[in-house]
Amino acid sequence: MSSIEIRVPDIGDFSEVAVIEVLVKPGDTVKAEQSLITVESDKASMEIPSSHAGVVKELKVKLGDKVKQGSVVVILEAAGVTAAPAAVPAASAAAAPAVATAAAPALASAPVERVVPTAALPAHEPTLAAGPLPHASPSVRKFARELGVPLEEVRGTGHKGRITDDDVKNFTRAVMSGAASTRAGAAQPGGSSGAGLDLLPWPKVDFTKFGPIERKDLSRIKKISGANLHRNWVMIPHVTNHDNADITELEALRVQLNKENEKSGVKVTMLAFLIKACVAGLKKYPEFNTSLDGDQLVYKQYFHIGFAADTPNGLVVPVLRDADQKGVLQISQELGDLSKKARDGKLGPADMTGGCFSISSLGGIGGRYFSPIINAPEVAILGVSKSVMEPVWNGKEFVPRLMLPLSLSYDHRVIDGALAARFNAYLGQILGDFRRVLL
C-alpha cells in the first residue's frame, strides 16, 4: 500500500474557490474519477474528482475551506493503481450566462459516481421553522437560484430527503399552475400564481387530444441557458439598435487573405474582422466594456470577446482572450480551435468566463435583423445577420454594395440610445475601411 496525495487540478481562472460539500470520509473506498469534494466560485459549482482509486486515509479539507490549484484534498492508500487521466472539474452550472444564440457553457467530462455522505440527514420539511440549509446538491441549488425557486419551500423526495432537479421542476409547475404559491408570492396583494411576478398561470394543455406527440428532454445546455436567458431578459432593460455596414472591400480582402494563406490551413472568417472592429469600438466607447455592480460601473482594462458557437447540443459562448493583442490571422486560428472544442464538448471553465462583450453571428444561416439577449454581466451584445448585395446611392448613381446587418442590444441602465447609435455607426466605419483599426 502506498499513500497518494490527491490535489485540486486546473480549475480555470479562479484563484481560490470555497469547499461547499465533502463527499467522502476517512475509510471510504473511491474509484478513479469519483468526486471527492464540491467547490463553488461566484460563477460555477465544480466537483473535484480523484485521479486514483484507493481508500481515503485522511481528509485535508473541510466545509468552508478555500482551495486552489494544487491544494491537497485527500490522502489515499493505493496499491498498484495507475493514475487516471487528469480530469477537468465537472461544472454543475455554467456561469457566463447564455445569450440569445448562446447559452451558458457545458463541460464535457466522463460521468462520475457521486458518493453521498452516509451521515443520517433528516428529510427536508418545508413546513418546519427555518434551520439548516435544505439538503440539495450544488447543481440543484444553482438550478433553483436561476429559476427563483426558494429551496426552503420545496419538499425533497430524494435519498434521505435530498431535493432533486425534479422536485424543483415540480414545485415550479405547481406554482405556475396555481396549485401552490410561494410565501413571497402569498405576501403580495391577492397572492400570486406567476412565480412571484403575479402573472397568469401557465396554460395546461393535453396535446394528445389534437394529434400524435413525442416528448424529449431538453439538453443540459438548453436547461442551463434557458434559466440564464430568462433572468437576463427579465432583469436587463434591453434596447436594440439596428444598422448596416458596407463590407464590400473587407470581403474582398478576406477572400484574398484566404487565397494567400491557403497552405497554412487557417481560414479567415468575417467574425475575426468583427472581433477586431468591436475591440476598437470598446476602446473608443469604454462604457461598452463595463459591468454594472450595484451603483458602480466596473470599467475593464482588458478585451475578452465571447462568440456564439453552434454545437450538436446547443449554442455555447467560448471567450477569445486579449483580442486587442492579436492579429486577424491569430484570431482566426483561435476561433477555429475554440469552435472545435465546443463541438467536441471539451470547453473548460476558463474557455467560457471573463468575457467583456459578445458577438452572435447568424451570417452563415440567414435572416435580416434580430434582438440578441445580453450575456450578463456584460452590458451589450452584437448580433450579425447574413450580408446582402444591395443597390446603394453614392451621390450620382446606385451601385451594388455588400451590406452587413448589425443588431446591437444594450443595457439601457448603462448605455443610452445616442451612445449605442454612435457605437454601431463606428463599427460600420471600421468595417467599411479596416485601415481605421490602426488609428
Protein backbone atom coordinates (compact mmCIF):
# COMPACT_ATOMS: atom_id res chain seq x y z
CA MET A 1 0.00 0.00 0.00
CA SER A 2 1.28 3.48 -0.82
CA SER A 3 -0.01 6.91 0.10
CA ILE A 4 -1.04 9.28 -2.67
CA GLU A 5 -1.91 12.97 -2.33
CA ILE A 6 -4.93 13.93 -4.43
CA ARG A 7 -4.70 17.58 -5.38
CA VAL A 8 -7.03 20.13 -6.96
CA PRO A 9 -6.47 20.13 -10.76
CA ASP A 10 -6.64 23.13 -13.08
CA ILE A 11 -9.89 24.96 -12.26
CA GLY A 12 -9.67 27.67 -14.86
CA ASP A 13 -9.08 31.31 -13.99
CA PHE A 14 -10.37 31.09 -10.41
CA SER A 15 -7.66 31.91 -7.85
CA GLU A 16 -9.49 30.36 -4.90
CA VAL A 17 -12.81 28.57 -4.51
CA ALA A 18 -14.79 27.55 -1.44
CA VAL A 19 -15.44 23.94 -0.41
CA ILE A 20 -19.21 23.59 -0.12
CA GLU A 21 -19.55 19.80 0.04
CA VAL A 22 -17.31 16.97 1.22
CA LEU A 23 -18.49 13.80 -0.49
CA VAL A 24 -16.23 11.22 1.19
CA LYS A 25 -14.90 10.41 4.67
CA PRO A 26 -11.88 8.52 6.02
CA GLY A 27 -12.22 4.82 5.34
CA ASP A 28 -14.29 5.23 2.16
CA THR A 29 -13.19 3.35 -0.93
CA VAL A 30 -13.19 5.57 -4.01
CA LYS A 31 -12.77 4.90 -7.70
CA ALA A 32 -10.69 6.87 -10.17
CA GLU A 33 -12.63 9.93 -11.37
CA GLN A 34 -15.08 9.68 -8.44
CA SER A 35 -15.96 13.08 -6.97
CA LEU A 36 -14.34 13.89 -3.64
CA ILE A 37 -15.49 17.43 -2.88
CA THR A 38 -17.58 20.16 -4.46
CA VAL A 39 -16.26 23.70 -4.71
CA GLU A 40 -18.10 26.83 -5.73
CA SER A 41 -16.98 30.18 -7.08
CA ASP A 42 -19.21 33.15 -7.81
CA LYS A 43 -19.81 31.70 -11.28
CA ALA A 44 -19.98 27.91 -11.06
CA SER A 45 -20.04 24.81 -8.90
CA MET A 46 -17.43 22.16 -9.69
CA GLU A 47 -16.85 18.64 -8.44
CA ILE A 48 -13.21 17.71 -7.86
CA PRO A 49 -12.58 14.09 -8.89
CA SER A 50 -9.95 11.64 -7.66
CA SER A 51 -7.14 10.83 -10.07
CA HIS A 52 -6.60 7.42 -8.41
CA ALA A 53 -8.59 4.60 -6.86
CA GLY A 54 -7.99 3.69 -3.24
CA VAL A 55 -9.11 4.11 0.35
CA VAL A 56 -9.40 7.56 1.94
CA LYS A 57 -6.75 7.71 4.65
CA GLU A 58 -7.08 11.38 5.59
CA LEU A 59 -9.18 14.38 4.62
CA LYS A 60 -7.14 17.55 4.19
CA VAL A 61 -10.09 19.94 3.68
CA LYS A 62 -13.35 20.71 5.41
CA LEU A 63 -16.51 22.66 4.63
CA GLY A 64 -15.81 26.36 4.15
CA ASP A 65 -12.10 25.95 3.36
CA LYS A 66 -10.64 27.86 0.42
CA VAL A 67 -8.68 25.78 -2.08
CA LYS A 68 -6.85 26.44 -5.33
CA GLN A 69 -4.99 24.51 -7.99
CA GLY A 70 -2.50 22.22 -6.26
CA SER A 71 -4.22 22.15 -2.86
CA VAL A 72 -4.24 18.67 -1.28
CA VAL A 73 -7.79 17.31 -0.96
CA VAL A 74 -7.29 13.83 0.50
CA ILE A 75 -4.56 11.28 1.10
CA LEU A 76 -5.35 7.87 -0.37
CA GLU A 77 -3.98 4.46 0.41
CA ALA A 78 -3.47 2.88 -3.00
CA ALA A 79 -1.82 -0.36 -4.06
CA GLY A 80 -0.52 -0.72 -7.62
CA VAL A 81 -3.09 1.69 -9.03
CA THR A 82 -2.15 3.76 -12.04
CA ALA A 83 -3.31 7.32 -12.33
CA ALA A 84 -6.40 8.13 -14.29
CA PRO A 85 -6.12 10.88 -16.89
CA ALA A 86 -6.20 14.32 -15.33
CA ALA A 87 -9.83 15.24 -15.10
CA VAL A 88 -11.35 18.63 -15.58
CA PRO A 89 -13.77 19.54 -12.78
CA ALA A 90 -17.36 18.96 -13.89
CA ALA A 91 -19.29 22.22 -13.61
CA SER A 92 -22.76 21.69 -12.22
CA ALA A 93 -23.91 25.02 -13.63
CA ALA A 94 -22.16 27.23 -16.10
CA ALA A 95 -21.58 30.79 -15.24
CA ALA A 96 -21.35 33.01 -18.01
CA PRO A 97 -24.62 33.10 -18.86
CA ALA A 98 -26.04 32.36 -22.20
CA VAL A 99 -27.16 34.77 -24.83
CA ALA A 100 -29.93 34.70 -27.38
CA THR A 101 -27.94 32.46 -29.64
CA ALA A 102 -25.69 31.13 -26.96
CA ALA A 103 -26.04 29.68 -23.71
CA ALA A 104 -24.08 29.10 -20.89
CA PRO A 105 -21.36 26.54 -21.10
CA ALA A 106 -21.49 22.78 -20.87
CA LEU A 107 -18.33 20.94 -19.89
CA ALA A 108 -17.58 17.53 -21.32
CA SER A 109 -16.38 15.15 -18.67
CA ALA A 110 -16.77 11.47 -18.08
CA PRO A 111 -19.72 10.59 -15.84
CA VAL A 112 -18.61 10.42 -12.24
CA GLU A 113 -20.07 8.38 -9.45
CA ARG A 114 -21.29 10.73 -6.79
CA VAL A 115 -20.97 9.50 -3.23
CA VAL A 116 -23.48 10.90 -0.77
CA PRO A 117 -22.22 11.28 2.83
CA THR A 118 -23.56 8.44 4.92
CA ALA A 119 -24.34 10.53 7.97
CA ALA A 120 -28.05 10.47 8.70
CA LEU A 121 -29.77 13.60 7.46
CA PRO A 122 -33.40 14.42 8.24
CA ALA A 123 -35.76 14.82 5.31
CA HIS A 124 -36.33 18.44 4.47
CA GLU A 125 -39.75 19.52 5.64
CA PRO A 126 -40.85 22.85 4.17
CA THR A 127 -43.44 23.43 6.90
CA LEU A 128 -40.86 23.47 9.70
CA ALA A 129 -39.21 26.61 11.01
CA ALA A 130 -36.13 27.71 9.10
CA GLY A 131 -33.00 25.89 10.18
CA PRO A 132 -30.02 24.48 8.27
CA LEU A 133 -29.90 24.84 4.52
CA PRO A 134 -32.14 22.41 2.61
CA HIS A 135 -30.36 19.18 1.69
CA ALA A 136 -29.53 19.61 -2.00
CA SER A 137 -26.51 19.32 -4.26
CA PRO A 138 -24.75 22.44 -5.58
CA SER A 139 -26.16 21.87 -9.05
CA VAL A 140 -29.71 21.72 -7.67
CA ARG A 141 -29.13 24.85 -5.56
CA LYS A 142 -27.78 26.67 -8.62
CA PHE A 143 -30.72 25.45 -10.73
CA ALA A 144 -33.17 26.67 -8.06
CA ARG A 145 -31.48 30.08 -7.83
CA GLU A 146 -31.65 30.55 -11.60
CA LEU A 147 -35.39 29.76 -11.59
CA GLY A 148 -36.03 31.86 -8.49
CA VAL A 149 -37.26 28.84 -6.50
CA PRO A 150 -36.93 29.12 -2.70
CA LEU A 151 -35.47 25.73 -1.72
CA GLU A 152 -36.72 26.09 1.84
CA GLU A 153 -40.25 25.70 0.47
CA VAL A 154 -39.51 22.60 -1.63
CA ARG A 155 -40.14 19.10 -0.25
CA GLY A 156 -37.29 16.72 -1.05
CA THR A 157 -38.13 13.29 -2.43
CA GLY A 158 -34.59 12.04 -2.98
CA HIS A 159 -32.46 9.81 -0.79
CA LYS A 160 -32.79 10.90 2.85
CA GLY A 161 -34.92 13.88 1.84
CA ARG A 162 -32.46 15.25 -0.68
CA ILE A 163 -34.03 17.83 -3.02
CA THR A 164 -33.65 16.81 -6.68
CA ASP A 165 -33.95 18.59 -10.03
CA ASP A 166 -37.39 17.02 -10.45
CA ASP A 167 -38.51 18.41 -7.06
CA VAL A 168 -37.54 21.92 -8.19
CA LYS A 169 -39.29 21.44 -11.56
CA ASN A 170 -42.44 20.04 -9.93
CA PHE A 171 -42.55 22.92 -7.46
CA THR A 172 -42.21 25.41 -10.33
CA ARG A 173 -45.01 23.71 -12.28
CA ALA A 174 -47.24 23.76 -9.22
CA VAL A 175 -46.66 27.48 -8.68
CA MET A 176 -47.18 28.31 -12.35
CA SER A 177 -50.41 26.29 -12.49
CA GLY A 178 -51.78 27.94 -9.35
CA ALA A 179 -51.78 24.67 -7.38
CA ALA A 180 -49.19 26.16 -4.99
CA SER A 181 -47.77 29.55 -4.16
CA THR A 182 -44.52 30.74 -2.66
CA ARG A 183 -44.53 32.59 0.63
CA ALA A 184 -43.10 35.60 -1.21
CA GLY A 185 -45.96 35.45 -3.69
CA ALA A 186 -48.57 34.98 -0.98
CA ALA A 187 -47.31 38.13 0.72
CA GLN A 188 -48.30 40.19 -2.33
CA PRO A 189 -51.79 41.68 -2.52
CA GLY A 190 -54.12 38.99 -3.79
CA GLY A 191 -51.35 36.37 -3.75
CA SER A 192 -49.53 35.23 -6.85
CA SER A 193 -49.65 32.33 -9.27
CA GLY A 194 -46.93 33.58 -11.61
CA ALA A 195 -43.73 32.57 -9.80
CA GLY A 196 -43.56 35.86 -7.90
CA LEU A 197 -44.30 38.01 -10.97
CA ASP A 198 -48.09 37.98 -10.48
CA LEU A 199 -48.57 36.52 -13.95
CA LEU A 200 -51.42 34.42 -15.26
CA PRO A 201 -50.93 30.67 -14.69
CA TRP A 202 -49.07 28.79 -17.40
CA PRO A 203 -51.62 27.09 -19.69
CA LYS A 204 -52.10 23.36 -19.06
CA VAL A 205 -52.85 21.57 -22.33
CA ASP A 206 -53.37 17.91 -23.14
CA PHE A 207 -51.67 17.97 -26.54
CA THR A 208 -52.61 14.35 -27.26
CA LYS A 209 -56.20 15.47 -27.85
CA PHE A 210 -55.11 17.18 -31.06
CA GLY A 211 -52.85 14.54 -32.54
CA PRO A 212 -49.77 12.36 -32.02
CA ILE A 213 -46.92 13.83 -29.95
CA GLU A 214 -43.41 12.90 -28.86
CA ARG A 215 -41.67 14.17 -25.73
CA LYS A 216 -37.90 14.73 -25.47
CA ASP A 217 -35.88 16.09 -22.58
CA LEU A 218 -34.11 19.39 -23.10
CA SER A 219 -30.35 19.07 -23.46
CA ARG A 220 -28.24 20.04 -20.47
CA ILE A 221 -27.01 23.14 -22.30
CA LYS A 222 -30.56 24.30 -23.01
CA LYS A 223 -31.65 23.70 -19.43
CA ILE A 224 -28.83 25.87 -18.13
CA SER A 225 -29.10 28.51 -20.83
CA GLY A 226 -32.88 28.77 -20.55
CA ALA A 227 -32.70 29.86 -16.93
CA ASN A 228 -29.93 32.36 -17.70
CA LEU A 229 -31.75 33.75 -20.71
CA HIS A 230 -34.92 34.18 -18.65
CA ARG A 231 -33.06 36.02 -15.90
CA ASN A 232 -31.16 38.27 -18.33
CA TRP A 233 -34.27 39.17 -20.35
CA VAL A 234 -36.35 39.93 -17.25
CA MET A 235 -33.70 41.82 -15.27
CA ILE A 236 -31.96 43.82 -18.01
CA PRO A 237 -33.85 46.60 -19.85
CA HIS A 238 -32.91 45.67 -23.41
CA VAL A 239 -32.93 48.04 -26.36
CA THR A 240 -31.66 47.04 -29.82
CA ASN A 241 -30.12 49.41 -32.36
CA HIS A 242 -30.04 48.23 -36.00
CA ASP A 243 -27.64 49.46 -38.67
CA ASN A 244 -25.86 48.33 -41.85
CA ALA A 245 -22.14 48.13 -42.61
CA ASP A 246 -20.68 48.23 -46.12
CA ILE A 247 -18.22 45.30 -46.20
CA THR A 248 -17.62 45.18 -49.95
CA GLU A 249 -13.87 45.89 -49.73
CA LEU A 250 -13.46 43.94 -46.50
CA GLU A 251 -14.96 40.81 -48.03
CA ALA A 252 -12.59 41.16 -50.99
CA LEU A 253 -9.68 41.40 -48.52
CA ARG A 254 -10.90 38.32 -46.68
CA VAL A 255 -11.07 36.29 -49.90
CA GLN A 256 -7.58 37.48 -50.87
CA LEU A 257 -6.11 36.54 -47.46
CA ASN A 258 -7.58 33.07 -47.67
CA LYS A 259 -6.02 32.55 -51.11
CA GLU A 260 -2.63 33.74 -49.87
CA ASN A 261 -2.77 31.58 -46.73
CA GLU A 262 -4.36 28.52 -48.30
CA LYS A 263 -1.41 26.30 -47.40
CA SER A 264 -1.41 27.37 -43.75
CA GLY A 265 -4.82 25.81 -43.12
CA VAL A 266 -6.05 28.94 -41.34
CA LYS A 267 -9.36 30.17 -42.72
CA VAL A 268 -10.09 33.85 -42.14
CA THR A 269 -13.76 34.49 -41.39
CA MET A 270 -15.69 37.73 -41.16
CA LEU A 271 -16.03 37.08 -37.42
CA ALA A 272 -12.29 37.69 -36.97
CA PHE A 273 -12.65 41.16 -38.52
CA LEU A 274 -15.76 41.79 -36.41
CA ILE A 275 -13.85 40.99 -33.23
CA LYS A 276 -11.11 43.48 -34.13
CA ALA A 277 -13.72 46.10 -35.01
CA CYS A 278 -15.54 45.55 -31.70
CA VAL A 279 -12.28 45.92 -29.77
CA ALA A 280 -11.76 49.28 -31.49
CA GLY A 281 -15.32 50.23 -30.53
CA LEU A 282 -14.80 49.22 -26.90
CA LYS A 283 -11.67 51.39 -26.75
CA LYS A 284 -13.43 54.40 -28.24
CA TYR A 285 -16.59 53.95 -26.14
CA PRO A 286 -15.40 52.36 -22.86
CA GLU A 287 -18.92 52.28 -21.38
CA PHE A 288 -19.48 49.19 -23.54
CA ASN A 289 -16.59 47.46 -21.75
CA THR A 290 -18.17 47.70 -18.30
CA SER A 291 -20.30 45.72 -15.90
CA LEU A 292 -22.92 47.10 -13.54
CA ASP A 293 -22.11 46.32 -9.90
CA GLY A 294 -24.71 47.89 -7.63
CA ASP A 295 -24.40 51.65 -8.01
CA GLN A 296 -20.97 51.40 -9.64
CA LEU A 297 -19.68 50.65 -13.12
CA VAL A 298 -16.67 48.35 -13.40
CA TYR A 299 -14.50 49.55 -16.31
CA LYS A 300 -12.38 46.69 -17.67
CA GLN A 301 -8.88 47.28 -18.95
CA TYR A 302 -8.83 44.01 -20.91
CA PHE A 303 -10.62 42.91 -24.07
CA HIS A 304 -12.01 39.36 -23.99
CA ILE A 305 -14.67 38.75 -26.66
CA GLY A 306 -17.25 35.96 -26.48
CA PHE A 307 -18.75 34.45 -29.62
CA ALA A 308 -21.65 32.08 -30.19
CA ALA A 309 -20.57 28.61 -31.28
CA ASP A 310 -23.03 26.07 -32.69
CA THR A 311 -22.77 22.55 -31.23
CA PRO A 312 -24.88 19.39 -31.57
CA ASN A 313 -26.32 20.01 -28.09
CA GLY A 314 -26.96 23.74 -28.41
CA LEU A 315 -25.16 27.04 -28.60
CA VAL A 316 -22.36 27.97 -26.21
CA VAL A 317 -20.20 31.08 -25.82
CA PRO A 318 -16.43 30.50 -25.81
CA VAL A 319 -14.33 33.55 -24.96
CA LEU A 320 -11.35 34.68 -27.04
CA ARG A 321 -8.99 36.37 -24.62
CA ASP A 322 -6.86 39.50 -25.16
CA ALA A 323 -8.24 40.15 -28.64
CA ASP A 324 -6.58 43.58 -28.64
CA GLN A 325 -3.15 41.92 -28.65
CA LYS A 326 -3.79 39.60 -31.60
CA GLY A 327 -3.95 39.97 -35.35
CA VAL A 328 -6.70 38.73 -37.64
CA LEU A 329 -4.81 35.54 -38.58
CA GLN A 330 -4.15 34.58 -34.96
CA ILE A 331 -7.74 35.34 -34.02
CA SER A 332 -8.96 33.16 -36.90
CA GLN A 333 -6.74 30.30 -35.72
CA GLU A 334 -8.02 30.56 -32.12
CA LEU A 335 -11.63 30.86 -33.28
CA GLY A 336 -11.24 27.58 -35.14
CA ASP A 337 -9.64 25.87 -32.14
CA LEU A 338 -12.31 27.09 -29.69
CA SER A 339 -15.13 26.17 -32.07
CA LYS A 340 -13.77 22.63 -32.39
CA LYS A 341 -13.51 22.29 -28.61
CA ALA A 342 -17.12 23.48 -28.35
CA ARG A 343 -18.36 20.94 -30.91
CA ASP A 344 -16.42 18.16 -29.15
CA GLY A 345 -17.83 19.20 -25.76
CA LYS A 346 -14.35 19.88 -24.37
CA LEU A 347 -14.65 23.52 -23.30
CA GLY A 348 -13.41 24.15 -19.77
CA PRO A 349 -14.40 26.91 -17.29
CA ALA A 350 -11.51 29.11 -18.42
CA ASP A 351 -12.77 28.92 -22.02
CA MET A 352 -16.16 30.41 -21.16
CA THR A 353 -15.58 33.04 -18.47
CA GLY A 354 -14.27 36.58 -18.31
CA GLY A 355 -15.98 37.95 -21.42
CA CYS A 356 -16.36 41.71 -21.89
CA PHE A 357 -18.60 41.77 -24.97
CA SER A 358 -20.27 39.07 -27.08
CA ILE A 359 -20.96 38.58 -30.77
CA SER A 360 -23.80 36.40 -32.04
CA SER A 361 -23.39 35.74 -35.75
CA LEU A 362 -26.09 34.17 -37.92
CA GLY A 363 -24.30 35.13 -41.12
CA GLY A 364 -23.92 31.57 -42.33
CA ILE A 365 -27.63 30.85 -41.89
CA GLY A 366 -29.68 33.87 -42.90
CA GLY A 367 -32.06 36.43 -41.51
CA ARG A 368 -32.04 40.20 -41.61
CA TYR A 369 -32.10 41.64 -38.08
CA PHE A 370 -32.78 40.22 -34.62
CA SER A 371 -32.55 41.19 -30.94
CA PRO A 372 -29.87 39.14 -29.16
CA ILE A 373 -30.16 38.80 -25.38
CA ILE A 374 -27.33 40.38 -23.39
CA ASN A 375 -24.91 37.95 -21.76
CA ALA A 376 -24.88 39.24 -18.15
CA PRO A 377 -22.83 40.70 -16.53
CA GLU A 378 -21.88 42.28 -19.87
CA VAL A 379 -23.83 45.37 -20.93
CA ALA A 380 -24.09 44.82 -24.70
CA ILE A 381 -24.04 42.18 -27.42
CA LEU A 382 -23.70 42.47 -31.20
CA GLY A 383 -25.95 40.40 -33.44
CA VAL A 384 -24.82 39.90 -37.04
CA SER A 385 -27.05 38.60 -39.84
CA LYS A 386 -26.34 37.47 -43.39
CA SER A 387 -24.73 40.03 -45.69
CA VAL A 388 -26.76 41.02 -48.78
CA MET A 389 -25.80 42.71 -52.03
CA GLU A 390 -27.89 45.89 -52.33
CA PRO A 391 -28.07 48.96 -54.57
CA VAL A 392 -26.57 51.90 -52.66
CA TRP A 393 -26.72 55.54 -53.78
CA ASN A 394 -23.24 57.08 -53.96
CA GLY A 395 -24.43 60.62 -54.78
CA LYS A 396 -24.51 60.07 -58.52
CA GLU A 397 -25.87 56.59 -59.08
CA PHE A 398 -26.88 53.33 -57.46
CA VAL A 399 -24.02 50.85 -57.20
CA PRO A 400 -24.01 47.26 -55.87
CA ARG A 401 -22.54 47.03 -52.37
CA LEU A 402 -22.31 44.13 -49.92
CA MET A 403 -24.17 45.23 -46.78
CA LEU A 404 -23.90 43.53 -43.39
CA PRO A 405 -26.86 43.94 -40.97
CA LEU A 406 -25.82 44.80 -37.39
CA SER A 407 -28.10 44.44 -34.35
CA LEU A 408 -26.68 45.91 -31.14
CA SER A 409 -28.59 45.09 -27.93
CA TYR A 410 -27.57 47.18 -24.92
CA ASP A 411 -28.42 47.63 -21.25
CA HIS A 412 -30.34 50.91 -21.11
CA ARG A 413 -29.33 51.43 -17.46
CA VAL A 414 -25.74 51.90 -18.60
CA ILE A 415 -25.95 52.97 -22.25
CA ASP A 416 -28.35 55.47 -23.80
CA GLY A 417 -29.67 55.42 -27.35
CA ALA A 418 -27.34 58.09 -28.67
CA LEU A 419 -24.23 56.29 -27.44
CA ALA A 420 -25.47 52.99 -28.90
CA ALA A 421 -26.11 54.63 -32.27
CA ARG A 422 -22.59 56.11 -32.25
CA PHE A 423 -21.06 52.74 -31.38
CA ASN A 424 -22.92 50.95 -34.17
CA ALA A 425 -22.07 53.69 -36.66
CA TYR A 426 -18.41 53.49 -35.64
CA LEU A 427 -18.43 49.74 -36.24
CA GLY A 428 -19.80 50.46 -39.71
CA GLN A 429 -16.95 52.91 -40.38
CA ILE A 430 -14.33 50.39 -39.23
CA LEU A 431 -15.79 47.58 -41.32
CA GLY A 432 -16.13 49.89 -44.31
CA ASP A 433 -12.47 50.91 -44.13
CA PHE A 434 -10.49 48.50 -41.96
CA ARG A 435 -7.45 50.79 -42.01
CA ARG A 436 -9.23 52.74 -39.26
CA VAL A 437 -8.31 49.92 -36.84
CA LEU A 438 -4.75 51.21 -36.99
CA LEU A 439 -5.73 54.71 -35.89
